[in-house]
Amino acid sequence: MAEPFEQRHATLIREFNEYLFEHPEFTERIPPGAVVVLQVADDPEYNAWSRALAEANREPGRSFVYVHIETLAPRRSRLVNPQLHIVR
């Protein structure tokens, strides 16, 4: 049952990293060495799995930072004005 959570977690981590890259001021608010715990609105099962994963990997003295995510926007293409040329 963990596999769907692992896939979702990988997606969320990738998106969170992209967000941090685009919003460096957000990164500055995360204490050094903190364990980031992603939490998604309306997904208590994933949230429990994410908290358990973080707790299992927590080292003494490290704080938790909970990042609450409302939702993911639909994935969109970044192509600009693609042109289609058919050759026969």
PDB file of N, CA and C in Angstrom:
ATOM      1  N   MET A   1       0.820  -1.204   0.000  1.00  0.00           N
ATOM      2  CA  MET A   1       0.000   0.000   0.000  1.00  0.00           C
ATOM      3  C   MET A   1       0.861   1.264   0.000  1.00  0.00           C
ATOM      4  N   ALA A   2       2.112   1.136   0.392  1.00  0.00           N
ATOM      5  CA  ALA A   2       2.972   2.319   0.467  1.00  0.00           C
ATOM      6  C   ALA A   2       3.324   2.861  -0.913  1.00  0.00           C
ATOM      7  N   GLU A   3       3.304   2.018  -1.934  1.00  0.00           N
ATOM      8  CA  GLU A   3       3.753   2.450  -3.264  1.00  0.00           C
ATOM      9  C   GLU A   3       3.020   3.686  -3.785  1.00  0.00           C
ATOM     10  N   PRO A   4       1.682   3.740  -3.718  1.00  0.00           N
ATOM     11  CA  PRO A   4       1.016   4.970  -4.183  1.00  0.00           C
ATOM     12  C   PRO A   4       1.462   6.203  -3.389  1.00  0.00           C
ATOM     13  N   PHE A   5       1.705   6.023  -2.086  1.00  0.00           N
ATOM     14  CA  PHE A   5       2.184   7.143  -1.279  1.00  0.00           C
ATOM     15  C   PHE A   5       3.587   7.545  -1.703  1.00  0.00           C
ATOM     16  N   GLU A   6       4.426   6.576  -2.016  1.00  0.00           N
ATOM     17  CA  GLU A   6       5.788   6.881  -2.456  1.00  0.00           C
ATOM     18  C   GLU A   6       5.773   7.657  -3.770  1.00  0.00           C
ATOM     19  N   GLN A   7       4.897   7.265  -4.673  1.00  0.00           N
ATOM     20  CA  GLN A   7       4.786   7.981  -5.948  1.00  0.00           C
ATOM     21  C   GLN A   7       4.292   9.408  -5.718  1.00  0.00           C
ATOM     22  N   ARG A   8       3.291   9.540  -4.880  1.00  0.00           N
ATOM     23  CA  ARG A   8       2.756  10.877  -4.585  1.00  0.00           C
ATOM     24  C   ARG A   8       3.821  11.730  -3.897  1.00  0.00           C
ATOM     25  N   HIS A   9       4.552  11.113  -2.971  1.00  0.00           N
ATOM     26  CA  HIS A   9       5.602  11.825  -2.243  1.00  0.00           C
ATOM     27  C   HIS A   9       6.689  12.313  -3.203  1.00  0.00           C
ATOM     28  N   ALA A  10       7.080  11.458  -4.135  1.00  0.00           N
ATOM     29  CA  ALA A  10       8.103  11.844  -5.117  1.00  0.00           C
ATOM     30  C   ALA A  10       7.629  13.045  -5.940  1.00  0.00           C
ATOM     31  N   THR A  11       6.373  13.028  -6.338  1.00  0.00           N
ATOM     32  CA  THR A  11       5.805  14.149  -7.093  1.00  0.00           C
ATOM     33  C   THR A  11       5.796  15.421  -6.250  1.00  0.00           C
ATOM     34  N   LEU A  12       5.357  15.292  -5.002  1.00  0.00           N
ATOM     35  CA  LEU A  12       5.289  16.464  -4.128  1.00  0.00           C
ATOM     36  C   LEU A  12       6.675  17.026  -3.823  1.00  0.00           C
ATOM     37  N   ILE A  13       7.646  16.148  -3.599  1.00  0.00           N
ATOM     38  CA  ILE A  13       9.018  16.599  -3.342  1.00  0.00           C
ATOM     39  C   ILE A  13       9.553  17.354  -4.559  1.00  0.00           C
ATOM     40  N   ARG A  14       9.325  16.795  -5.751  1.00  0.00           N
ATOM     41  CA  ARG A  14       9.781  17.451  -6.982  1.00  0.00           C
ATOM     42  C   ARG A  14       9.138  18.835  -7.119  1.00  0.00           C
ATOM     43  N   GLU A  15       7.840  18.916  -6.888  1.00  0.00           N
ATOM     44  CA  GLU A  15       7.133  20.196  -7.002  1.00  0.00           C
ATOM     45  C   GLU A  15       7.577  21.178  -5.916  1.00  0.00           C
ATOM     46  N   PHE A  16       7.816  20.666  -4.706  1.00  0.00           N
ATOM     47  CA  PHE A  16       8.265  21.529  -3.618  1.00  0.00           C
ATOM     48  C   PHE A  16       9.654  22.086  -3.919  1.00  0.00           C
ATOM     49  N   ASN A  17      10.532  21.246  -4.432  1.00  0.00           N
ATOM     50  CA  ASN A  17      11.867  21.720  -4.812  1.00  0.00           C
ATOM     51  C   ASN A  17      11.787  22.807  -5.879  1.00  0.00           C
ATOM     52  N   GLU A  18      10.899  22.620  -6.843  1.00  0.00           N
ATOM     53  CA  GLU A  18      10.703  23.640  -7.884  1.00  0.00           C
ATOM     54  C   GLU A  18      10.190  24.944  -7.262  1.00  0.00           C
ATOM     55  N   TYR A  19       9.257  24.806  -6.322  1.00  0.00           N
ATOM     56  CA  TYR A  19       8.715  25.985  -5.636  1.00  0.00           C
ATOM     57  C   TYR A  19       9.824  26.725  -4.893  1.00  0.00           C
ATOM     58  N   LEU A  20      10.685  25.974  -4.194  1.00  0.00           N
ATOM     59  CA  LEU A  20      11.790  26.593  -3.458  1.00  0.00           C
ATOM     60  C   LEU A  20      12.743  27.320  -4.400  1.00  0.00           C
ATOM     61  N   PHE A  21      12.981  26.722  -5.557  1.00  0.00           N
ATOM     62  CA  PHE A  21      13.855  27.352  -6.546  1.00  0.00           C
ATOM     63  C   PHE A  21      13.266  28.682  -7.013  1.00  0.00           C
ATOM     64  N   GLU A  22      11.942  28.706  -7.198  1.00  0.00           N
ATOM     65  CA  GLU A  22      11.268  29.909  -7.685  1.00  0.00           C
ATOM     66  C   GLU A  22      10.987  30.928  -6.579  1.00  0.00           C
ATOM     67  N   HIS A  23      11.008  30.481  -5.316  1.00  0.00           N
ATOM     68  CA  HIS A  23      10.699  31.351  -4.174  1.00  0.00           C
ATOM     69  C   HIS A  23      11.773  31.190  -3.094  1.00  0.00           C
ATOM     70  N   PRO A  24      12.967  31.701  -3.331  1.00  0.00           N
ATOM     71  CA  PRO A  24      14.059  31.504  -2.367  1.00  0.00           C
ATOM     72  C   PRO A  24      13.756  32.074  -0.982  1.00  0.00           C
ATOM     73  N   GLU A  25      12.874  33.056  -0.904  1.00  0.00           N
ATOM     74  CA  GLU A  25      12.523  33.619   0.402  1.00  0.00           C
ATOM     75  C   GLU A  25      11.817  32.588   1.281  1.00  0.00           C
ATOM     76  N   PHE A  26      11.128  31.643   0.667  1.00  0.00           N
ATOM     77  CA  PHE A  26      10.469  30.565   1.410  1.00  0.00           C
ATOM     78  C   PHE A  26      11.527  29.660   2.030  1.00  0.00           C
ATOM     79  N   THR A  27      12.577  29.394   1.278  1.00  0.00           N
ATOM     80  CA  THR A  27      13.675  28.549   1.748  1.00  0.00           C
ATOM     81  C   THR A  27      14.317  29.141   2.995  1.00  0.00           C
ATOM     82  N   GLU A  28      14.449  30.454   3.029  1.00  0.00           N
ATOM     83  CA  GLU A  28      15.092  31.126   4.158  1.00  0.00           C
ATOM     84  C   GLU A  28      14.337  30.931   5.462  1.00  0.00           C
ATOM     85  N   ARG A  29      13.069  30.597   5.395  1.00  0.00           N
ATOM     86  CA  ARG A  29      12.252  30.405   6.595  1.00  0.00           C
ATOM     87  C   ARG A  29      12.400  29.004   7.184  1.00  0.00           C
ATOM     88  N   ILE A  30      13.043  28.099   6.462  1.00  0.00           N
ATOM     89  CA  ILE A  30      13.219  26.726   6.933  1.00  0.00           C
ATOM     90  C   ILE A  30      14.522  26.652   7.726  1.00  0.00           C
ATOM     91  N   PRO A  31      14.445  26.249   9.000  1.00  0.00           N
ATOM     92  CA  PRO A  31      15.664  26.174   9.809  1.00  0.00           C
ATOM     93  C   PRO A  31      16.660  25.166   9.235  1.00  0.00           C
ATOM     94  N   PRO A  32      17.950  25.456   9.334  1.00  0.00           N
ATOM     95  CA  PRO A  32      18.963  24.507   8.856  1.00  0.00           C
ATOM     96  C   PRO A  32      18.814  23.150   9.547  1.00  0.00           C
ATOM     97  N   GLY A  33      18.887  22.094   8.770  1.00  0.00           N
ATOM     98  CA  GLY A  33      18.806  20.744   9.312  1.00  0.00           C
ATOM     99  C   GLY A  33      17.410  20.265   9.635  1.00  0.00           C
ATOM    100  N   ALA A  34      16.401  21.092   9.385  1.00  0.00           N
ATOM    101  CA  ALA A  34      15.028  20.700   9.705  1.00  0.00           C
ATOM    102  C   ALA A  34      14.553  19.590   8.776  1.00  0.00           C
ATOM    103  N   VAL A  35      13.663  18.762   9.301  1.00  0.00           N
ATOM    104  CA  VAL A  35      13.017  17.719   8.508  1.00  0.00           C
ATOM    105  C   VAL A  35      11.725  18.316   7.959  1.00  0.00           C
ATOM    106  N   VAL A  36      11.604  18.368   6.648  1.00  0.00           N
ATOM    107  CA  VAL A  36      10.408  18.920   6.006  1.00  0.00           C
ATOM    108  C   VAL A  36       9.379  17.807   5.867  1.00  0.00           C
ATOM    109  N   VAL A  37       8.176  18.063   6.377  1.00  0.00           N
ATOM    110  CA  VAL A  37       7.090  17.091   6.335  1.00  0.00           C
ATOM    111  C   VAL A  37       5.972  17.685   5.488  1.00  0.00           C
ATOM    112  N   LEU A  38       5.737  17.090   4.328  1.00  0.00           N
ATOM    113  CA  LEU A  38       4.699  17.588   3.428  1.00  0.00           C
ATOM    114  C   LEU A  38       3.343  17.052   3.859  1.00  0.00           C
ATOM    115  N   GLN A  39       2.353  17.931   3.891  1.00  0.00           N
ATOM    116  CA  GLN A  39       0.995  17.581   4.274  1.00  0.00           C
ATOM    117  C   GLN A  39       0.045  18.168   3.238  1.00  0.00           C
ATOM    118  N   VAL A  40      -0.885  17.350   2.767  1.00  0.00           N
ATOM    119  CA  VAL A  40      -1.785  17.759   1.691  1.00  0.00           C
ATOM    120  C   VAL A  40      -3.212  17.831   2.224  1.00  0.00           C
ATOM    121  N   ALA A  41      -3.886  18.932   1.939  1.00  0.00           N
ATOM    122  CA  ALA A  41      -5.276  19.094   2.358  1.00  0.00           C
ATOM    123  C   ALA A  41      -6.116  17.938   1.821  1.00  0.00           C
ATOM    124  N   ASP A  42      -7.007  17.460   2.630  1.00  0.00           N
ATOM    125  CA  ASP A  42      -7.965  16.417   2.246  1.00  0.00           C
ATOM    126  C   ASP A  42      -7.319  15.085   1.881  1.00  0.00           C
ATOM    127  N   ASP A  43      -6.155  14.771   2.445  1.00  0.00           N
ATOM    128  CA  ASP A  43      -5.540  13.458   2.217  1.00  0.00           C
ATOM    129  C   ASP A  43      -4.927  12.947   3.521  1.00  0.00           C
ATOM    130  N   PRO A  44      -5.783  12.605   4.489  1.00  0.00           N
ATOM    131  CA  PRO A  44      -5.274  12.198   5.801  1.00  0.00           C
ATOM    132  C   PRO A  44      -4.409  10.940   5.764  1.00  0.00           C
ATOM    133  N   GLU A  45      -4.668  10.037   4.839  1.00  0.00           N
ATOM    134  CA  GLU A  45      -3.860   8.815   4.760  1.00  0.00           C
ATOM    135  C   GLU A  45      -2.434   9.135   4.317  1.00  0.00           C
ATOM    136  N   TYR A  46      -2.292   9.952   3.288  1.00  0.00           N
ATOM    137  CA  TYR A  46      -0.951  10.356   2.864  1.00  0.00           C
ATOM    138  C   TYR A  46      -0.261  11.131   3.981  1.00  0.00           C
ATOM    139  N   ASN A  47      -0.986  12.037   4.614  1.00  0.00           N
ATOM    140  CA  ASN A  47      -0.395  12.859   5.666  1.00  0.00           C
ATOM    141  C   ASN A  47       0.142  12.002   6.809  1.00  0.00           C
ATOM    142  N   ALA A  48      -0.618  10.982   7.211  1.00  0.00           N
ATOM    143  CA  ALA A  48      -0.157  10.080   8.272  1.00  0.00           C
ATOM    144  C   ALA A  48       1.091   9.331   7.815  1.00  0.00           C
ATOM    145  N   TRP A  49       1.090   8.859   6.568  1.00  0.00           N
ATOM    146  CA  TRP A  49       2.254   8.156   6.020  1.00  0.00           C
ATOM    147  C   TRP A  49       3.470   9.076   6.002  1.00  0.00           C
ATOM    148  N   SER A  50       3.293  10.327   5.574  1.00  0.00           N
ATOM    149  CA  SER A  50       4.388  11.289   5.494  1.00  0.00           C
ATOM    150  C   SER A  50       4.954  11.595   6.882  1.00  0.00           C
ATOM    151  N   ARG A  51       4.073  11.767   7.871  1.00  0.00           N
ATOM    152  CA  ARG A  51       4.536  12.021   9.240  1.00  0.00           C
ATOM    153  C   ARG A  51       5.299  10.824   9.789  1.00  0.00           C
ATOM    154  N   ALA A  52       4.796   9.606   9.529  1.00  0.00           N
ATOM    155  CA  ALA A  52       5.478   8.395  10.001  1.00  0.00           C
ATOM    156  C   ALA A  52       6.848   8.254   9.348  1.00  0.00           C
ATOM    157  N   LEU A  53       6.936   8.555   8.062  1.00  0.00           N
ATOM    158  CA  LEU A  53       8.215   8.495   7.354  1.00  0.00           C
ATOM    159  C   LEU A  53       9.207   9.484   7.963  1.00  0.00           C
ATOM    160  N   ALA A  54       8.749  10.691   8.214  1.00  0.00           N
ATOM    161  CA  ALA A  54       9.622  11.714   8.802  1.00  0.00           C
ATOM    162  C   ALA A  54      10.073  11.302  10.198  1.00  0.00           C
ATOM    163  N   GLU A  55       9.159  10.803  10.996  1.00  0.00           N
ATOM    164  CA  GLU A  55       9.494  10.384  12.362  1.00  0.00           C
ATOM    165  C   GLU A  55      10.498   9.236  12.348  1.00  0.00           C
ATOM    166  N   ALA A  56      10.341   8.313  11.425  1.00  0.00           N
ATOM    167  CA  ALA A  56      11.250   7.163  11.331  1.00  0.00           C
ATOM    168  C   ALA A  56      12.663   7.589  10.941  1.00  0.00           C
ATOM    169  N   ASN A  57      12.786   8.699  10.237  1.00  0.00           N
ATOM    170  CA  ASN A  57      14.092   9.163   9.764  1.00  0.00           C
ATOM    171  C   ASN A  57      14.634  10.361  10.545  1.00  0.00           C
ATOM    172  N   ARG A  58      13.928  10.739  11.583  1.00  0.00           N
ATOM    173  CA  ARG A  58      14.330  11.913  12.369  1.00  0.00           C
ATOM    174  C   ARG A  58      15.575  11.597  13.203  1.00  0.00           C
ATOM    175  N   GLU A  59      16.472  12.540  13.221  1.00  0.00           N
ATOM    176  CA  GLU A  59      17.666  12.430  14.057  1.00  0.00           C
ATOM    177  C   GLU A  59      17.484  13.340  15.267  1.00  0.00           C
ATOM    178  N   PRO A  60      18.092  12.976  16.400  1.00  0.00           N
ATOM    179  CA  PRO A  60      17.953  13.808  17.606  1.00  0.00           C
ATOM    180  C   PRO A  60      18.377  15.255  17.344  1.00  0.00           C
ATOM    181  N   GLY A  61      17.593  16.172  17.883  1.00  0.00           N
ATOM    182  CA  GLY A  61      17.913  17.586  17.765  1.00  0.00           C
ATOM    183  C   GLY A  61      17.406  18.264  16.509  1.00  0.00           C
ATOM    184  N   ARG A  62      16.856  17.501  15.583  1.00  0.00           N
ATOM    185  CA  ARG A  62      16.340  18.108  14.345  1.00  0.00           C
ATOM    186  C   ARG A  62      14.867  18.442  14.520  1.00  0.00           C
ATOM    187  N   SER A  63      14.493  19.625  14.114  1.00  0.00           N
ATOM    188  CA  SER A  63      13.096  20.036  14.218  1.00  0.00           C
ATOM    189  C   SER A  63      12.325  19.613  12.973  1.00  0.00           C
ATOM    190  N   PHE A  64      11.007  19.592  13.110  1.00  0.00           N
ATOM    191  CA  PHE A  64      10.121  19.308  11.985  1.00  0.00           C
ATOM    192  C   PHE A  64       9.567  20.631  11.463  1.00  0.00           C
ATOM    193  N   VAL A  65       9.438  20.730  10.157  1.00  0.00           N
ATOM    194  CA  VAL A  65       8.750  21.846   9.516  1.00  0.00           C
ATOM    195  C   VAL A  65       7.641  21.228   8.680  1.00  0.00           C
ATOM    196  N   TYR A  66       6.399  21.533   9.037  1.00  0.00           N
ATOM    197  CA  TYR A  66       5.261  21.017   8.289  1.00  0.00           C
ATOM    198  C   TYR A  66       4.911  22.004   7.181  1.00  0.00           C
ATOM    199  N   VAL A  67       4.855  21.503   5.971  1.00  0.00           N
ATOM    200  CA  VAL A  67       4.474  22.312   4.818  1.00  0.00           C
ATOM    201  C   VAL A  67       3.090  21.842   4.389  1.00  0.00           C
ATOM    202  N   HIS A  68       2.104  22.699   4.581  1.00  0.00           N
ATOM    203  CA  HIS A  68       0.723  22.364   4.230  1.00  0.00           C
ATOM    204  C   HIS A  68       0.452  22.827   2.796  1.00  0.00           C
ATOM    205  N   ILE A  69       0.045  21.881   1.985  1.00  0.00           N
ATOM    206  CA  ILE A  69      -0.192  22.126   0.559  1.00  0.00           C
ATOM    207  C   ILE A  69      -1.687  22.015   0.299  1.00  0.00           C
ATOM    208  N   GLU A  70      -2.255  23.053  -0.267  1.00  0.00           N
ATOM    209  CA  GLU A  70      -3.689  23.044  -0.553  1.00  0.00           C
ATOM    210  C   GLU A  70      -4.020  22.055  -1.664  1.00  0.00           C
ATOM    211  N   THR A  71      -3.312  22.155  -2.776  1.00  0.00           N
ATOM    212  CA  THR A  71      -3.542  21.260  -3.909  1.00  0.00           C
ATOM    213  C   THR A  71      -2.409  21.450  -4.913  1.00  0.00           C
ATOM    214  N   LEU A  72      -2.361  20.587  -5.899  1.00  0.00           N
ATOM    215  CA  LEU A  72      -1.428  20.747  -7.013  1.00  0.00           C
ATOM    216  C   LEU A  72      -2.203  21.273  -8.210  1.00  0.00           C
ATOM    217  N   ALA A  73      -1.658  22.269  -8.861  1.00  0.00           N
ATOM    218  CA  ALA A  73      -2.267  22.760 -10.095  1.00  0.00           C
ATOM    219  C   ALA A  73      -2.071  21.704 -11.178  1.00  0.00           C
ATOM    220  N   PRO A  74      -2.945  21.675 -12.163  1.00  0.00           N
ATOM    221  CA  PRO A  74      -2.776  20.709 -13.255  1.00  0.00           C
ATOM    222  C   PRO A  74      -1.436  20.897 -13.954  1.00  0.00           C
ATOM    223  N   ARG A  75      -0.858  19.790 -14.342  1.00  0.00           N
ATOM    224  CA  ARG A  75       0.412  19.824 -15.070  1.00  0.00           C
ATOM    225  C   ARG A  75       0.148  20.448 -16.439  1.00  0.00           C
ATOM    226  N   ARG A  76       1.011  21.350 -16.849  1.00  0.00           N
ATOM    227  CA  ARG A  76       0.829  22.032 -18.126  1.00  0.00           C
ATOM    228  C   ARG A  76       2.110  21.970 -18.928  1.00  0.00           C
ATOM    229  N   SER A  77       1.935  22.009 -20.210  1.00  0.00           N
ATOM    230  CA  SER A  77       3.083  22.049 -21.106  1.00  0.00           C
ATOM    231  C   SER A  77       3.713  23.435 -21.069  1.00  0.00           C
ATOM    232  N   ARG A  78       5.020  23.470 -21.209  1.00  0.00           N
ATOM    233  CA  ARG A  78       5.724  24.747 -21.269  1.00  0.00           C
ATOM    234  C   ARG A  78       6.130  25.097 -22.695  1.00  0.00           C
ATOM    235  N   LEU A  79       5.667  24.318 -23.683  1.00  0.00           N
ATOM    236  CA  LEU A  79       5.970  24.621 -25.083  1.00  0.00           C
ATOM    237  C   LEU A  79       5.301  25.938 -25.469  1.00  0.00           C
ATOM    238  N   VAL A  80       5.992  26.721 -26.252  1.00  0.00           N
ATOM    239  CA  VAL A  80       5.447  27.993 -26.718  1.00  0.00           C
ATOM    240  C   VAL A  80       5.265  27.914 -28.225  1.00  0.00           C
ATOM    241  N   ASN A  81       4.018  28.042 -28.666  1.00  0.00           N
ATOM    242  CA  ASN A  81       3.673  28.095 -30.079  1.00  0.00           C
ATOM    243  C   ASN A  81       4.323  26.986 -30.923  1.00  0.00           C
ATOM    244  N   PRO A  82       4.102  25.723 -30.596  1.00  0.00           N
ATOM    245  CA  PRO A  82       4.687  24.656 -31.420  1.00  0.00           C
ATOM    246  C   PRO A  82       4.060  24.645 -32.817  1.00  0.00           C
ATOM    247  N   GLN A  83       4.858  24.322 -33.810  1.00  0.00           N
ATOM    248  CA  GLN A  83       4.409  24.268 -35.200  1.00  0.00           C
ATOM    249  C   GLN A  83       4.476  22.822 -35.679  1.00  0.00           C
ATOM    250  N   LEU A  84       3.462  22.391 -36.386  1.00  0.00           N
ATOM    251  CA  LEU A  84       3.398  21.035 -36.915  1.00  0.00           C
ATOM    252  C   LEU A  84       3.606  21.087 -38.425  1.00  0.00           C
ATOM    253  N   HIS A  85       4.591  20.338 -38.922  1.00  0.00           N
ATOM    254  CA  HIS A  85       4.881  20.272 -40.352  1.00  0.00           C
ATOM    255  C   HIS A  85       4.841  18.808 -40.768  1.00  0.00           C
ATOM    256  N   ILE A  86       3.921  18.475 -41.657  1.00  0.00           N
ATOM    257  CA  ILE A  86       3.778  17.097 -42.124  1.00  0.00           C
ATOM    258  C   ILE A  86       4.461  16.967 -43.476  1.00  0.00           C
ATOM    259  N   VAL A  87       5.333  15.993 -43.580  1.00  0.00           N
ATOM    260  CA  VAL A  87       6.058  15.730 -44.828  1.00  0.00           C
ATOM    261  C   VAL A  87       5.623  14.361 -45.321  1.00  0.00           C
ATOM    262  N   ARG A  88       5.203  14.289 -46.613  1.00  0.00           N
ATOM    263  CA  ARG A  88       4.765  12.999 -47.186  1.00  0.00           C
ATOM    264  C   ARG A  88       5.697  12.565 -48.269  1.00  0.00           C
TER     265      ARG A  88
END
